[in-house]
């Protein structure tokens, strides 16, 4: 710590009574690391960095297995068939980004980032793996019924996601769960093309219209079950079913005593939001019995909560529910299905821990075995026929198949001055006596190697200087010099570079809302350059004008993320990405798209679906959709882009159309306004755009193709607007 001993002229620094302070060299000696040992640091620096090092650093083998890995080029790849994926079938994410973002003129799709990459092959593998786990457990334990799952569409209501699940799940009667009227309409429509035995489970609070639709679905030969969330709903079911001459299939949701203690357990326990108590269940049984409809009661549903951390808690809940199921059968209900709800968790941080909301201590096979064992045990004890086991595993099905890819567009450069750049006499020139005392105390604490005391005096020095600056007795140059000195103190004491801020072309509120709202942490990793050592640590700051628009918590309890330098902003190679730096957020396929808003009017990302193929790049883009344009998000807030364009066009004619001989300039201005409504709200990070703007009277075009189209087009202004919304 002698590096912090600020040796300056004694007369300039020492306050009265400190005449013994000895003056020395006004420059600061080189830093001595205070935390990690020099030997360890040297050993680390001498190690050749490989993709395997990055895989361990970012825990990819933990949270990513068996669907994500790092190839020899240092890029993250998708393994679409999980453990059955062959080496030549792995899909390089960087190649997908290049294909999607390259201009159409060179064979790309011309889509703008941020980007969601969906891999339906992974979705299919998740469904098959879940089914296989239950079939294996059923066979091993001699269970005398079968498993028949449903997908809760609230996890991701995207049309193509739901349709794929129905298609992939048809061979094993996989169904859907709805929790609202629009979700019910969606499920009814999709299941018309599914397996006729697939369940349509109707959860959520219900009014007469909801129950009418559910009974209509039954009339349309869909295997519909109306699950009672409130006691009063049974009266509506009895009344409307008689009017429609439909014999309903009814389930009840039980409020279990077994409670999940984590963040996601608020829906469980006696005071949970949903379900019926034992008293209410008995009253429902009585009403159905009195109406001659007790045989319609065939399903028991419960839900402990999402991300159940351990099989011990899972089994406790299933045993309690199976006991209620057995009692309902004893009372005369024609019980056939036990619906264990959701809760099948995924490992977000790769820790395989049962003590965190970010992880679970079991795999698919252990989960299925625990459920089958608990139901079989209770039913055998009560001599009850083994029921069909149903689960509503949404998060575990869709999380892995969706990857959010976004770009870091700039990073804050380090502002800490070099030691020989600290001009202490200049700093001391305008300081008050109190501030000079702080500077003296800082120097003495440094010479005594008192780390914490150094921070205290550095903070006091900075505060006193800020007060002087506010009073007008200290110039901005001296204030900046003091800031640099205090930053240098922090750097030397920590013996590490402070975390930089990487600005990313993304809205956290739109694309990762769970991080902002409930602190949910997702694995975030550079998708390339993983054959290089990440030389800095950083936090991520989004485009929104909101202080919450940042990510400063990462898996492993980290408050910063190891990152590579940006080309032209801290160095670093591009890793085959043309100078770009791309990051991926993984395991975000559940909830993020439906929960995201339009804060600052940033809409959703572009979306592509990618399937494995035998072509040269191992993939084919089967579906592509650009993200919402500025006009699209304006419509969400009840604005009318066409009218807005007309207003701005007339304004341009009034103020810019009077320059004689500049008719082309006016037309280009109007065209640029129209195109701004058409483009996505996110930044376009490309130097050619800047050149295009400079060379064309300052008018901006998203890319070279847009510019050429504007130059070559003879279309009228109205036709240009139509093109924008074609």
Foldseek 3Di string as FASTA:
>chain_A
DQQLQQAADCVLFPDPPPSVRDHDDRFGDDFDAAPDDPVVVVVVVVDQFFLVVLCVQLVCCQQPAQFWGADRLFFIWGQLQGPPRDPLQTFGVLVVVCQACPDVVVNHVNFDDFEKEFALSNLLNLLVVLQVLLVVLCVVVVADAGAEAAAECQFPVDLVSVLSCQVSCQVPQYAYEYADQVSLVSRLVSCVPHHLNREYEYHHDDDLVSLLSQQVSVVVSHNYEYEDFDLVVLVSNLVVCVVVVGQAAYEFEEADQQFQPDPFGQQHHPPHPTGDYPVSVVVSCVVCVVSVRLQSYAEYEYERGAQQAELVSVLVVLLRSLLVLLVSVVVPYNYAEYEDEEHPYGAQQSPLGSPDSRHHVDDSNVNSNSNSVSNVVNCVVSVHRRHHYYYHYHLSSFLFRMKGKWFQQAKDADPADRSRPQDVSVLSVQADSVLSVLSVQLSVCVVVVPLVSNLVSLVVNLVRVVVCVVVVSDDPVSNSSSVNSSVVSVCSSNVAGDAMETEIQDFCLAQVVCCLPPNHAGSKFWSRPSSPFQDHWYWYAYDAPDPSRIGQAHRPRGRTHRHHAQPVHRDDDPSPNVRITMMMTGSSRTNNNVRHDQHVHAWDAKYWYWYADPDPSRIDTPDTGHTQASLRSVVVVVDHVVVVLVVVLVVLCVPPVPDPPVPVVSLLVSLLSLVNRLHGPTDQNDPQQVVLCVVRVNRGDSDPVRVVCSVPDPDDSVVSNVVSVD
